[in-house]
């Protein structure tokens, strides 16, 4: 529990950082609100583009995921991939028309297994330092970018790990977009169930979440 006599460490989770000025304004507003209550609070960003977050908002930032499925961009990835023997074999498979449909999902699976285990370990370390994690505004209940393994998975992962570290998670004024697959809805329902507090930016989102 955060009290006014303690300088808290608060994390902000948002897939921002790619030039959307609305998302940037939301983060500025949340940071200003935190500073008005705890002037000496330490604020840390977990975003899609940590470098932009640091430069634009003046807070330290880290990538919100190690895995970046197609169309779900992650800047400054912690784990740059190297072309090892498995990658080279998959590249050769992609050159064979009959095997191309098999090679692509295998490559995505290899990407996931190469990047996510270490990111889980890093996320646990970061969460242990936080007093609170805020899923900070915007249309975060959405699978448009990256489908289920984009932001729905990110929300599920962070809420799951926060539960392990006993870090409270607040979902602040978020919006509902499209959740096209059953897996995306499962991820989002799991994340919502672990929130200490939830608020939505409009009635459409509130009623849509109730139907998930």
N, C-alpha and C. Protein backbone atom coordinates (compact mmCIF):
# COMPACT_ATOMS: atom_id res chain seq x y z
N UNK A 1 0.85 -1.20 0.00
CA UNK A 1 0.00 0.00 0.00
C UNK A 1 0.88 1.25 0.00
N UNK A 2 0.62 2.16 -0.91
CA UNK A 2 1.41 3.39 -0.99
C UNK A 2 0.81 4.43 -0.04
N UNK A 3 1.66 5.07 0.74
CA UNK A 3 1.22 6.15 1.62
C UNK A 3 1.95 7.42 1.24
N UNK A 4 1.42 8.55 1.68
CA UNK A 4 1.99 9.84 1.31
C UNK A 4 3.33 10.12 1.98
N UNK A 5 3.66 9.37 3.04
CA UNK A 5 4.93 9.60 3.71
C UNK A 5 6.05 8.75 3.14
N UNK A 6 5.81 8.11 2.02
CA UNK A 6 6.81 7.25 1.39
C UNK A 6 6.96 7.65 -0.07
N UNK A 7 8.19 7.70 -0.55
CA UNK A 7 8.43 7.98 -1.96
C UNK A 7 8.35 6.67 -2.74
N UNK A 8 7.28 6.43 -3.48
CA UNK A 8 7.09 5.13 -4.11
C UNK A 8 7.86 5.00 -5.42
N UNK A 9 7.98 3.75 -5.85
CA UNK A 9 8.50 3.42 -7.17
C UNK A 9 7.32 2.89 -7.98
N UNK A 10 6.97 3.58 -9.06
CA UNK A 10 5.76 3.27 -9.82
C UNK A 10 6.12 3.00 -11.27
N UNK A 11 5.64 1.89 -11.80
CA UNK A 11 5.87 1.55 -13.20
C UNK A 11 4.66 1.89 -14.05
N UNK A 12 4.91 2.37 -15.26
CA UNK A 12 3.85 2.65 -16.23
C UNK A 12 4.02 1.71 -17.41
N UNK A 13 2.97 0.96 -17.71
CA UNK A 13 2.99 0.00 -18.82
C UNK A 13 2.13 0.52 -19.95
N UNK A 14 2.75 0.70 -21.13
CA UNK A 14 2.00 1.21 -22.29
C UNK A 14 2.76 0.87 -23.56
N UNK A 15 2.05 0.46 -24.63
CA UNK A 15 2.72 0.20 -25.91
C UNK A 15 2.94 1.49 -26.68
N UNK A 16 3.44 2.51 -26.02
CA UNK A 16 3.62 3.81 -26.65
C UNK A 16 5.06 3.97 -27.14
N UNK A 17 5.29 5.07 -27.86
CA UNK A 17 6.64 5.38 -28.27
C UNK A 17 6.87 5.42 -29.76
N UNK A 18 5.79 5.32 -30.54
CA UNK A 18 5.95 5.30 -32.00
C UNK A 18 5.31 6.52 -32.65
N UNK A 19 5.26 7.63 -31.94
CA UNK A 19 4.81 8.87 -32.56
C UNK A 19 3.36 9.21 -32.36
N UNK A 20 2.60 8.38 -31.63
CA UNK A 20 1.20 8.70 -31.35
C UNK A 20 1.17 9.74 -30.24
N UNK A 21 0.84 10.98 -30.59
CA UNK A 21 0.89 12.06 -29.62
C UNK A 21 -0.19 11.93 -28.54
N UNK A 22 -1.30 11.26 -28.87
CA UNK A 22 -2.32 11.02 -27.87
C UNK A 22 -1.81 10.11 -26.76
N UNK A 23 -1.14 9.02 -27.16
CA UNK A 23 -0.56 8.12 -26.16
C UNK A 23 0.49 8.84 -25.32
N UNK A 24 1.29 9.68 -25.97
CA UNK A 24 2.32 10.43 -25.25
C UNK A 24 1.69 11.39 -24.25
N UNK A 25 0.60 12.05 -24.65
CA UNK A 25 -0.08 12.98 -23.75
C UNK A 25 -0.66 12.25 -22.53
N UNK A 26 -1.16 11.05 -22.76
CA UNK A 26 -1.69 10.26 -21.64
C UNK A 26 -0.59 9.97 -20.62
N UNK A 27 0.59 9.57 -21.11
CA UNK A 27 1.69 9.28 -20.18
C UNK A 27 2.11 10.55 -19.44
N UNK A 28 2.16 11.67 -20.14
CA UNK A 28 2.49 12.94 -19.46
C UNK A 28 1.48 13.25 -18.36
N UNK A 29 0.20 13.01 -18.65
CA UNK A 29 -0.85 13.30 -17.66
C UNK A 29 -0.73 12.39 -16.44
N UNK A 30 -0.44 11.11 -16.68
CA UNK A 30 -0.29 10.18 -15.56
C UNK A 30 0.93 10.54 -14.73
N UNK A 31 2.03 10.86 -15.39
CA UNK A 31 3.25 11.26 -14.67
C UNK A 31 2.99 12.51 -13.84
N UNK A 32 2.29 13.49 -14.42
CA UNK A 32 1.98 14.73 -13.69
C UNK A 32 1.10 14.44 -12.47
N UNK A 33 0.13 13.54 -12.62
CA UNK A 33 -0.75 13.20 -11.51
C UNK A 33 0.03 12.52 -10.38
N UNK A 34 0.95 11.64 -10.76
CA UNK A 34 1.78 10.97 -9.74
C UNK A 34 2.65 12.00 -9.02
N UNK A 35 3.27 12.89 -9.79
CA UNK A 35 4.16 13.90 -9.19
C UNK A 35 3.38 14.84 -8.26
N UNK A 36 2.11 15.10 -8.57
CA UNK A 36 1.34 15.99 -7.71
C UNK A 36 1.09 15.37 -6.34
N UNK A 37 1.09 14.06 -6.27
CA UNK A 37 0.85 13.37 -5.00
C UNK A 37 2.16 12.99 -4.30
N UNK A 38 3.12 12.53 -5.09
CA UNK A 38 4.41 12.13 -4.55
C UNK A 38 5.50 12.81 -5.38
N UNK A 39 5.89 14.01 -5.04
CA UNK A 39 6.86 14.76 -5.86
C UNK A 39 8.17 14.03 -6.09
N UNK A 40 8.56 13.18 -5.15
CA UNK A 40 9.84 12.48 -5.27
C UNK A 40 9.69 11.03 -5.71
N UNK A 41 8.51 10.69 -6.21
CA UNK A 41 8.30 9.32 -6.68
C UNK A 41 9.26 8.99 -7.82
N UNK A 42 9.72 7.74 -7.83
CA UNK A 42 10.51 7.26 -8.97
C UNK A 42 9.55 6.59 -9.94
N UNK A 43 9.56 7.05 -11.18
CA UNK A 43 8.66 6.51 -12.21
C UNK A 43 9.49 5.79 -13.26
N UNK A 44 9.05 4.60 -13.62
CA UNK A 44 9.76 3.77 -14.60
C UNK A 44 8.77 3.38 -15.69
N UNK A 45 9.18 3.48 -16.96
CA UNK A 45 8.32 3.10 -18.06
C UNK A 45 8.63 1.71 -18.58
N UNK A 46 7.60 0.98 -18.93
CA UNK A 46 7.73 -0.30 -19.64
C UNK A 46 6.92 -0.14 -20.93
N UNK A 47 7.62 0.11 -22.02
CA UNK A 47 6.96 0.56 -23.24
C UNK A 47 7.50 -0.17 -24.47
N UNK A 48 6.89 0.13 -25.61
CA UNK A 48 7.33 -0.47 -26.86
C UNK A 48 8.61 0.16 -27.39
N UNK A 49 8.89 1.38 -26.98
CA UNK A 49 10.07 2.08 -27.48
C UNK A 49 10.74 2.83 -26.31
N UNK A 50 11.53 2.12 -25.50
CA UNK A 50 12.10 2.73 -24.30
C UNK A 50 12.92 3.98 -24.57
N UNK A 51 13.64 4.01 -25.66
CA UNK A 51 14.46 5.18 -25.95
C UNK A 51 13.59 6.43 -26.11
N UNK A 52 12.50 6.30 -26.84
CA UNK A 52 11.58 7.42 -27.00
C UNK A 52 10.98 7.83 -25.66
N UNK A 53 10.62 6.85 -24.84
CA UNK A 53 10.04 7.13 -23.52
C UNK A 53 11.00 7.94 -22.66
N UNK A 54 12.26 7.54 -22.66
CA UNK A 54 13.26 8.25 -21.86
C UNK A 54 13.45 9.68 -22.34
N UNK A 55 13.50 9.86 -23.66
CA UNK A 55 13.74 11.19 -24.21
C UNK A 55 12.50 12.09 -24.09
N UNK A 56 11.32 11.51 -24.31
CA UNK A 56 10.10 12.31 -24.35
C UNK A 56 9.56 12.62 -22.95
N UNK A 57 9.68 11.65 -22.05
CA UNK A 57 9.04 11.80 -20.74
C UNK A 57 10.04 11.95 -19.59
N UNK A 58 11.31 11.75 -19.86
CA UNK A 58 12.32 11.96 -18.84
C UNK A 58 12.32 10.94 -17.72
N UNK A 59 11.91 9.71 -18.02
CA UNK A 59 11.94 8.64 -17.01
C UNK A 59 12.70 7.45 -17.58
N UNK A 60 13.37 6.67 -16.73
CA UNK A 60 14.02 5.46 -17.23
C UNK A 60 12.97 4.50 -17.78
N UNK A 61 13.33 3.74 -18.79
CA UNK A 61 12.34 2.87 -19.43
C UNK A 61 13.00 1.59 -19.93
N UNK A 62 12.18 0.55 -20.02
CA UNK A 62 12.62 -0.76 -20.46
C UNK A 62 11.57 -1.34 -21.41
N UNK A 63 11.95 -2.30 -22.26
CA UNK A 63 10.97 -2.88 -23.20
C UNK A 63 9.92 -3.70 -22.47
N UNK A 64 8.68 -3.58 -22.90
CA UNK A 64 7.60 -4.31 -22.23
C UNK A 64 7.52 -5.77 -22.65
N UNK A 65 8.29 -6.15 -23.67
CA UNK A 65 8.31 -7.55 -24.10
C UNK A 65 9.67 -7.86 -24.71
N UNK A 66 10.05 -9.12 -24.63
CA UNK A 66 11.24 -9.55 -25.34
C UNK A 66 10.90 -10.06 -26.72
N UNK A 67 9.67 -10.53 -26.89
CA UNK A 67 9.21 -11.11 -28.15
C UNK A 67 8.38 -10.08 -28.90
N UNK A 68 8.68 -9.94 -30.18
CA UNK A 68 7.94 -9.00 -31.02
C UNK A 68 7.33 -9.76 -32.20
N UNK A 69 6.06 -10.18 -32.09
CA UNK A 69 5.42 -10.85 -33.22
C UNK A 69 5.24 -9.87 -34.38
N UNK A 70 4.96 -10.38 -35.57
CA UNK A 70 4.79 -9.49 -36.72
C UNK A 70 3.79 -8.38 -36.44
N UNK A 71 4.15 -7.17 -36.78
CA UNK A 71 3.40 -5.91 -36.65
C UNK A 71 3.38 -5.35 -35.23
N UNK A 72 3.94 -6.06 -34.25
CA UNK A 72 3.99 -5.54 -32.87
C UNK A 72 5.43 -5.15 -32.59
N UNK A 73 5.75 -3.89 -32.86
CA UNK A 73 7.14 -3.46 -32.81
C UNK A 73 7.65 -3.24 -31.40
N UNK A 74 8.87 -3.70 -31.14
CA UNK A 74 9.55 -3.44 -29.88
C UNK A 74 10.89 -2.80 -30.22
N UNK A 75 11.09 -1.55 -29.79
CA UNK A 75 12.36 -0.88 -30.00
C UNK A 75 13.33 -1.18 -28.87
N UNK A 76 14.63 -1.09 -29.15
CA UNK A 76 15.65 -1.32 -28.13
C UNK A 76 15.47 -2.67 -27.46
N UNK A 77 15.29 -3.71 -28.24
CA UNK A 77 15.07 -5.02 -27.65
C UNK A 77 16.29 -5.44 -26.82
N UNK A 78 16.03 -6.05 -25.68
CA UNK A 78 17.10 -6.42 -24.77
C UNK A 78 17.95 -7.56 -25.33
N UNK A 79 17.35 -8.36 -26.21
CA UNK A 79 18.02 -9.57 -26.67
C UNK A 79 18.14 -9.58 -28.19
N UNK A 80 19.11 -8.88 -28.75
CA UNK A 80 19.28 -8.93 -30.20
C UNK A 80 19.55 -10.35 -30.65
N UNK A 81 18.86 -10.76 -31.67
CA UNK A 81 18.98 -12.13 -32.14
C UNK A 81 20.21 -12.30 -33.02
N UNK A 82 20.77 -13.48 -32.96
CA UNK A 82 21.90 -13.81 -33.83
C UNK A 82 21.49 -14.96 -34.73
N UNK A 83 22.06 -15.00 -35.89
CA UNK A 83 21.72 -16.04 -36.86
C UNK A 83 22.50 -17.31 -36.55
N UNK A 84 21.95 -18.14 -35.65
CA UNK A 84 22.58 -19.40 -35.30
C UNK A 84 22.21 -20.49 -36.28
N UNK A 85 22.63 -21.74 -36.00
CA UNK A 85 22.34 -22.85 -36.92
C UNK A 85 20.85 -23.07 -37.16
N UNK A 86 20.04 -22.90 -36.08
CA UNK A 86 18.60 -23.11 -36.25
C UNK A 86 18.02 -22.05 -37.18
N UNK A 87 18.43 -20.80 -36.99
CA UNK A 87 17.95 -19.72 -37.85
C UNK A 87 18.33 -19.97 -39.30
N UNK A 88 19.57 -20.40 -39.51
CA UNK A 88 20.03 -20.65 -40.87
C UNK A 88 19.25 -21.78 -41.51
N UNK A 89 18.94 -22.83 -40.73
CA UNK A 89 18.16 -23.94 -41.27
C UNK A 89 16.75 -23.49 -41.63
N UNK A 90 16.14 -22.65 -40.78
CA UNK A 90 14.80 -22.16 -41.06
C UNK A 90 14.78 -21.24 -42.27
N UNK A 91 15.83 -20.47 -42.45
CA UNK A 91 15.92 -19.62 -43.64
C UNK A 91 15.97 -20.47 -44.90
N UNK A 92 16.69 -21.58 -44.84
CA UNK A 92 16.74 -22.47 -46.00
C UNK A 92 15.37 -23.10 -46.26
N UNK A 93 14.66 -23.47 -45.19
CA UNK A 93 13.33 -24.05 -45.36
C UNK A 93 12.37 -23.06 -46.01
N UNK A 94 12.51 -21.78 -45.65
CA UNK A 94 11.63 -20.77 -46.23
C UNK A 94 11.85 -20.62 -47.73
N UNK A 95 13.00 -21.07 -48.21
CA UNK A 95 13.27 -21.00 -49.64
C UNK A 95 12.65 -22.15 -50.41
N UNK A 96 12.06 -23.12 -49.71
CA UNK A 96 11.42 -24.26 -50.36
C UNK A 96 9.91 -24.04 -50.32
N UNK A 97 9.26 -23.81 -51.45
CA UNK A 97 7.84 -23.43 -51.45
C UNK A 97 6.94 -24.35 -50.63
N UNK A 98 7.14 -25.67 -50.72
CA UNK A 98 6.27 -26.60 -50.02
C UNK A 98 6.43 -26.54 -48.50
N UNK A 99 7.57 -26.06 -48.04
CA UNK A 99 7.86 -26.03 -46.60
C UNK A 99 7.74 -24.63 -46.01
N UNK A 100 7.44 -23.65 -46.85
CA UNK A 100 7.42 -22.27 -46.38
C UNK A 100 6.37 -22.06 -45.29
N UNK A 101 5.21 -22.71 -45.42
CA UNK A 101 4.15 -22.53 -44.43
C UNK A 101 4.52 -23.13 -43.08
N UNK A 102 5.43 -24.11 -43.08
CA UNK A 102 5.90 -24.71 -41.83
C UNK A 102 7.02 -23.88 -41.23
N UNK A 103 7.89 -23.36 -42.09
CA UNK A 103 9.07 -22.64 -41.60
C UNK A 103 8.70 -21.37 -40.85
N UNK A 104 7.68 -20.65 -41.31
CA UNK A 104 7.34 -19.38 -40.67
C UNK A 104 6.91 -19.55 -39.21
N UNK A 105 5.93 -20.44 -38.90
CA UNK A 105 5.58 -20.59 -37.47
C UNK A 105 6.72 -21.12 -36.63
N UNK A 106 7.58 -21.97 -37.22
CA UNK A 106 8.74 -22.46 -36.47
C UNK A 106 9.69 -21.33 -36.14
N UNK A 107 9.86 -20.42 -37.08
CA UNK A 107 10.74 -19.28 -36.84
C UNK A 107 10.18 -18.38 -35.74
N UNK A 108 8.87 -18.16 -35.75
CA UNK A 108 8.25 -17.35 -34.70
C UNK A 108 8.40 -18.02 -33.34
N UNK A 109 8.25 -19.35 -33.31
CA UNK A 109 8.43 -20.08 -32.06
C UNK A 109 9.86 -19.94 -31.55
N UNK A 110 10.83 -20.05 -32.46
CA UNK A 110 12.23 -19.88 -32.06
C UNK A 110 12.49 -18.47 -31.54
N UNK A 111 11.91 -17.47 -32.20
CA UNK A 111 12.03 -16.09 -31.73
C UNK A 111 11.53 -15.97 -30.29
N UNK A 112 10.36 -16.57 -30.05
CA UNK A 112 9.76 -16.50 -28.72
C UNK A 112 10.65 -17.17 -27.67
N UNK A 113 11.13 -18.37 -27.99
CA UNK A 113 11.94 -19.12 -27.03
C UNK A 113 13.31 -18.48 -26.80
N UNK A 114 13.82 -17.76 -27.78
CA UNK A 114 15.10 -17.08 -27.62
C UNK A 114 14.99 -15.82 -26.78
N UNK A 115 13.83 -15.18 -26.81
CA UNK A 115 13.73 -13.85 -26.19
C UNK A 115 12.95 -13.81 -24.89
N UNK A 116 11.90 -14.61 -24.76
CA UNK A 116 10.99 -14.44 -23.63
C UNK A 116 11.52 -14.95 -22.28
N UNK A 117 12.20 -16.10 -22.20
CA UNK A 117 12.65 -16.54 -20.86
C UNK A 117 13.49 -15.51 -20.13
N UNK A 118 14.44 -14.88 -20.81
CA UNK A 118 15.25 -13.86 -20.15
C UNK A 118 14.41 -12.64 -19.81
N UNK A 119 13.48 -12.27 -20.70
CA UNK A 119 12.64 -11.11 -20.40
C UNK A 119 11.75 -11.38 -19.19
N UNK A 120 11.26 -12.60 -19.04
CA UNK A 120 10.49 -12.94 -17.83
C UNK A 120 11.35 -12.72 -16.59
N UNK A 121 12.59 -13.17 -16.64
CA UNK A 121 13.48 -13.00 -15.48
C UNK A 121 13.73 -11.52 -15.20
N UNK A 122 13.94 -10.73 -16.25
CA UNK A 122 14.14 -9.29 -16.07
C UNK A 122 12.88 -8.63 -15.52
N UNK A 123 11.72 -9.01 -16.05
CA UNK A 123 10.47 -8.42 -15.58
C UNK A 123 10.23 -8.72 -14.10
N UNK A 124 10.55 -9.93 -13.67
CA UNK A 124 10.42 -10.26 -12.26
C UNK A 124 11.32 -9.37 -11.40
N UNK A 125 12.54 -9.16 -11.87
CA UNK A 125 13.47 -8.30 -11.12
C UNK A 125 12.95 -6.87 -11.05
N UNK A 126 12.43 -6.35 -12.18
CA UNK A 126 11.89 -4.99 -12.18
C UNK A 126 10.67 -4.88 -11.26
N UNK A 127 9.79 -5.88 -11.32
CA UNK A 127 8.56 -5.82 -10.53
C UNK A 127 8.85 -5.84 -9.03
N UNK A 128 9.88 -6.55 -8.62
CA UNK A 128 10.22 -6.60 -7.19
C UNK A 128 10.64 -5.24 -6.66
N UNK A 129 11.02 -4.33 -7.54
CA UNK A 129 11.43 -2.99 -7.13
C UNK A 129 10.27 -2.00 -7.10
N UNK A 130 9.10 -2.42 -7.61
CA UNK A 130 7.96 -1.51 -7.73
C UNK A 130 7.03 -1.60 -6.53
N UNK A 131 6.45 -0.46 -6.19
CA UNK A 131 5.33 -0.43 -5.24
C UNK A 131 4.00 -0.56 -5.96
N UNK A 132 3.97 -0.21 -7.24
CA UNK A 132 2.73 -0.23 -8.01
C UNK A 132 3.06 -0.25 -9.49
N UNK A 133 2.28 -1.03 -10.25
CA UNK A 133 2.37 -1.02 -11.71
C UNK A 133 1.04 -0.50 -12.26
N UNK A 134 1.11 0.52 -13.12
CA UNK A 134 -0.09 1.10 -13.72
C UNK A 134 -0.13 0.79 -15.21
N UNK A 135 -1.19 0.14 -15.65
CA UNK A 135 -1.46 -0.01 -17.08
C UNK A 135 -2.12 1.30 -17.49
N UNK A 136 -1.31 2.17 -18.11
CA UNK A 136 -1.65 3.60 -18.12
C UNK A 136 -2.33 4.07 -19.40
N UNK A 137 -3.65 3.90 -19.43
CA UNK A 137 -4.48 4.51 -20.45
C UNK A 137 -4.29 4.00 -21.86
N UNK A 138 -5.06 4.59 -22.78
CA UNK A 138 -4.99 4.22 -24.18
C UNK A 138 -5.81 2.96 -24.47
N UNK A 139 -5.85 2.58 -25.74
CA UNK A 139 -6.64 1.41 -26.15
C UNK A 139 -5.86 0.13 -26.00
N UNK A 140 -5.54 -0.24 -24.77
CA UNK A 140 -4.64 -1.37 -24.54
C UNK A 140 -5.32 -2.73 -24.61
N UNK A 141 -6.64 -2.77 -24.55
CA UNK A 141 -7.35 -4.05 -24.66
C UNK A 141 -7.61 -4.32 -26.13
N UNK A 142 -6.57 -4.72 -26.84
CA UNK A 142 -6.63 -4.75 -28.30
C UNK A 142 -5.59 -5.73 -28.84
N UNK A 143 -5.96 -6.41 -29.92
CA UNK A 143 -5.00 -7.33 -30.56
C UNK A 143 -4.73 -6.96 -32.02
N UNK A 144 -5.00 -5.70 -32.37
CA UNK A 144 -4.81 -5.28 -33.77
C UNK A 144 -3.36 -5.44 -34.20
N UNK A 145 -2.42 -5.04 -33.32
CA UNK A 145 -1.00 -5.17 -33.62
C UNK A 145 -0.47 -6.44 -32.95
N UNK A 146 -0.08 -7.41 -33.76
CA UNK A 146 0.50 -8.63 -33.21
C UNK A 146 -0.47 -9.71 -32.81
N UNK A 147 -1.77 -9.45 -32.96
CA UNK A 147 -2.81 -10.40 -32.61
C UNK A 147 -2.66 -10.83 -31.14
N UNK A 148 -3.02 -12.07 -30.81
CA UNK A 148 -3.05 -12.49 -29.40
C UNK A 148 -1.68 -12.40 -28.74
N UNK A 149 -0.62 -12.67 -29.52
CA UNK A 149 0.72 -12.69 -28.94
C UNK A 149 1.37 -11.31 -28.93
N UNK A 150 0.58 -10.28 -29.28
CA UNK A 150 1.03 -8.91 -29.11
C UNK A 150 0.67 -8.42 -27.72
N UNK A 151 -0.20 -7.40 -27.65
CA UNK A 151 -0.45 -6.78 -26.34
C UNK A 151 -1.31 -7.63 -25.40
N UNK A 152 -2.27 -8.44 -25.89
CA UNK A 152 -2.98 -9.30 -24.94
C UNK A 152 -2.03 -10.19 -24.14
N UNK A 153 -1.06 -10.78 -24.82
CA UNK A 153 -0.07 -11.60 -24.12
C UNK A 153 0.76 -10.76 -23.15
N UNK A 154 1.17 -9.57 -23.57
CA UNK A 154 1.96 -8.69 -22.70
C UNK A 154 1.20 -8.38 -21.41
N UNK A 155 -0.08 -8.03 -21.52
CA UNK A 155 -0.88 -7.74 -20.32
C UNK A 155 -0.99 -8.97 -19.43
N UNK A 156 -1.23 -10.12 -20.04
CA UNK A 156 -1.33 -11.35 -19.26
C UNK A 156 -0.02 -11.64 -18.54
N UNK A 157 1.10 -11.52 -19.25
CA UNK A 157 2.40 -11.84 -18.66
C UNK A 157 2.71 -10.94 -17.47
N UNK A 158 2.57 -9.63 -17.65
CA UNK A 158 2.92 -8.71 -16.58
C UNK A 158 2.00 -8.88 -15.37
N UNK A 159 0.72 -9.12 -15.59
CA UNK A 159 -0.19 -9.32 -14.46
C UNK A 159 0.13 -10.63 -13.74
N UNK A 160 0.48 -11.65 -14.50
CA UNK A 160 0.85 -12.94 -13.90
C UNK A 160 2.11 -12.81 -13.05
N UNK A 161 3.13 -12.16 -13.59
CA UNK A 161 4.38 -11.99 -12.86
C UNK A 161 4.21 -11.06 -11.67
N UNK A 162 3.38 -10.03 -11.82
CA UNK A 162 3.12 -9.13 -10.69
C UNK A 162 2.45 -9.86 -9.54
N UNK A 163 1.59 -10.81 -9.88
CA UNK A 163 0.96 -11.62 -8.83
C UNK A 163 2.01 -12.43 -8.08
N UNK A 164 3.00 -12.93 -8.81
CA UNK A 164 4.07 -13.70 -8.17
C UNK A 164 4.90 -12.84 -7.22
N UNK A 165 5.08 -11.57 -7.55
CA UNK A 165 5.91 -10.68 -6.73
C UNK A 165 5.08 -9.85 -5.75
N UNK A 166 3.78 -10.08 -5.71
CA UNK A 166 2.86 -9.35 -4.83
C UNK A 166 2.90 -7.84 -5.11
N UNK A 167 3.03 -7.50 -6.39
CA UNK A 167 3.02 -6.11 -6.81
C UNK A 167 1.62 -5.74 -7.30
N UNK A 168 0.95 -4.79 -6.67
CA UNK A 168 -0.40 -4.43 -7.13
C UNK A 168 -0.36 -3.82 -8.53
N UNK A 169 -1.37 -4.14 -9.32
CA UNK A 169 -1.48 -3.63 -10.69
C UNK A 169 -2.81 -2.90 -10.83
N UNK A 170 -2.74 -1.70 -11.36
CA UNK A 170 -3.92 -0.87 -11.59
C UNK A 170 -4.09 -0.66 -13.09
N UNK A 171 -5.29 -0.87 -13.59
CA UNK A 171 -5.60 -0.58 -14.99
C UNK A 171 -6.35 0.74 -15.03
N UNK A 172 -5.71 1.77 -15.60
CA UNK A 172 -6.21 3.13 -15.47
C UNK A 172 -6.76 3.66 -16.79
N UNK A 173 -8.07 3.83 -16.86
CA UNK A 173 -8.74 4.50 -17.98
C UNK A 173 -8.35 3.92 -19.33
N UNK A 174 -8.44 2.60 -19.46
CA UNK A 174 -8.08 1.95 -20.72
C UNK A 174 -9.31 1.80 -21.61
N UNK A 175 -9.05 1.58 -22.90
CA UNK A 175 -10.11 1.39 -23.87
C UNK A 175 -10.04 0.02 -24.51
N UNK A 176 -11.19 -0.44 -25.00
CA UNK A 176 -11.30 -1.73 -25.67
C UNK A 176 -11.32 -1.52 -27.17
N UNK A 177 -10.43 -2.24 -27.86
CA UNK A 177 -10.41 -2.22 -29.32
C UNK A 177 -10.98 -3.52 -29.86
N UNK A 178 -10.20 -4.21 -30.68
CA UNK A 178 -10.63 -5.48 -31.24
C UNK A 178 -9.88 -6.62 -30.56
N UNK A 179 -10.62 -7.67 -30.20
CA UNK A 179 -10.03 -8.91 -29.69
C UNK A 179 -10.58 -10.03 -30.57
N UNK A 180 -9.86 -10.34 -31.64
CA UNK A 180 -10.42 -11.15 -32.71
C UNK A 180 -10.34 -12.64 -32.47
N UNK A 181 -9.48 -13.07 -31.56
CA UNK A 181 -9.29 -14.50 -31.36
C UNK A 181 -9.64 -14.90 -29.93
N UNK A 182 -9.98 -16.17 -29.78
CA UNK A 182 -10.29 -16.67 -28.44
C UNK A 182 -9.09 -16.53 -27.51
N UNK A 183 -7.88 -16.80 -28.03
CA UNK A 183 -6.69 -16.70 -27.20
C UNK A 183 -6.48 -15.28 -26.70
N UNK A 184 -6.71 -14.29 -27.56
CA UNK A 184 -6.57 -12.89 -27.13
C UNK A 184 -7.54 -12.59 -26.00
N UNK A 185 -8.76 -13.08 -26.10
CA UNK A 185 -9.75 -12.84 -25.04
C UNK A 185 -9.36 -13.56 -23.75
N UNK A 186 -8.80 -14.76 -23.89
CA UNK A 186 -8.33 -15.49 -22.69
C UNK A 186 -7.22 -14.71 -22.00
N UNK A 187 -6.26 -14.21 -22.77
CA UNK A 187 -5.17 -13.42 -22.19
C UNK A 187 -5.71 -12.18 -21.47
N UNK A 188 -6.63 -11.47 -22.11
CA UNK A 188 -7.15 -10.23 -21.52
C UNK A 188 -7.98 -10.53 -20.27
N UNK A 189 -8.82 -11.57 -20.33
CA UNK A 189 -9.60 -11.94 -19.13
C UNK A 189 -8.68 -12.29 -17.97
N UNK A 190 -7.61 -13.04 -18.26
CA UNK A 190 -6.67 -13.39 -17.21
C UNK A 190 -6.02 -12.16 -16.60
N UNK A 191 -5.63 -11.21 -17.46
CA UNK A 191 -5.00 -9.98 -16.96
C UNK A 191 -5.99 -9.18 -16.11
N UNK A 192 -7.22 -9.03 -16.60
CA UNK A 192 -8.21 -8.25 -15.86
C UNK A 192 -8.50 -8.85 -14.49
N UNK A 193 -8.49 -10.17 -14.41
CA UNK A 193 -8.82 -10.84 -13.15
C UNK A 193 -7.79 -10.57 -12.07
N UNK A 194 -6.59 -10.15 -12.46
CA UNK A 194 -5.52 -9.94 -11.48
C UNK A 194 -5.35 -8.47 -11.09
N UNK A 195 -6.14 -7.60 -11.65
CA UNK A 195 -5.99 -6.18 -11.36
C UNK A 195 -6.52 -5.84 -9.97
N UNK A 196 -5.79 -5.01 -9.26
CA UNK A 196 -6.25 -4.51 -7.97
C UNK A 196 -7.38 -3.50 -8.16
N UNK A 197 -7.30 -2.75 -9.25
CA UNK A 197 -8.30 -1.72 -9.56
C UNK A 197 -8.36 -1.57 -11.07
N UNK A 198 -9.58 -1.35 -11.59
CA UNK A 198 -9.74 -1.15 -13.03
C UNK A 198 -10.66 0.02 -13.27
N UNK A 199 -10.28 0.85 -14.25
CA UNK A 199 -11.20 1.89 -14.72
C UNK A 199 -11.12 1.94 -16.24
N UNK A 200 -12.22 2.36 -16.87
CA UNK A 200 -12.32 2.34 -18.32
C UNK A 200 -12.61 3.73 -18.84
N UNK A 201 -12.18 3.98 -20.05
CA UNK A 201 -12.29 5.34 -20.58
C UNK A 201 -13.68 5.66 -21.12
N UNK A 202 -14.53 4.65 -21.31
CA UNK A 202 -15.87 4.92 -21.82
C UNK A 202 -16.80 3.76 -21.49
N UNK A 203 -18.09 4.00 -21.66
CA UNK A 203 -19.10 2.99 -21.35
C UNK A 203 -19.00 1.79 -22.30
N UNK A 204 -18.64 2.05 -23.55
CA UNK A 204 -18.49 0.95 -24.51
C UNK A 204 -17.45 -0.05 -24.03
N UNK A 205 -16.34 0.45 -23.50
CA UNK A 205 -15.30 -0.45 -22.99
C UNK A 205 -15.81 -1.22 -21.78
N UNK A 206 -16.46 -0.53 -20.86
CA UNK A 206 -16.95 -1.20 -19.65
C UNK A 206 -17.91 -2.33 -20.00
N UNK A 207 -18.86 -2.06 -20.88
CA UNK A 207 -19.83 -3.09 -21.25
C UNK A 207 -19.18 -4.19 -22.08
N UNK A 208 -18.21 -3.83 -22.93
CA UNK A 208 -17.51 -4.83 -23.72
C UNK A 208 -16.70 -5.77 -22.85
N UNK A 209 -16.03 -5.24 -21.84
CA UNK A 209 -15.27 -6.07 -20.92
C UNK A 209 -16.19 -7.02 -20.16
N UNK A 210 -17.37 -6.56 -19.80
CA UNK A 210 -18.32 -7.40 -19.07
C UNK A 210 -18.76 -8.60 -19.91
N UNK A 211 -18.66 -8.49 -21.24
CA UNK A 211 -19.08 -9.58 -22.12
C UNK A 211 -17.94 -10.53 -22.47
N UNK A 212 -16.73 -10.24 -22.07
CA UNK A 212 -15.60 -11.09 -22.43
C UNK A 212 -15.74 -12.49 -21.82
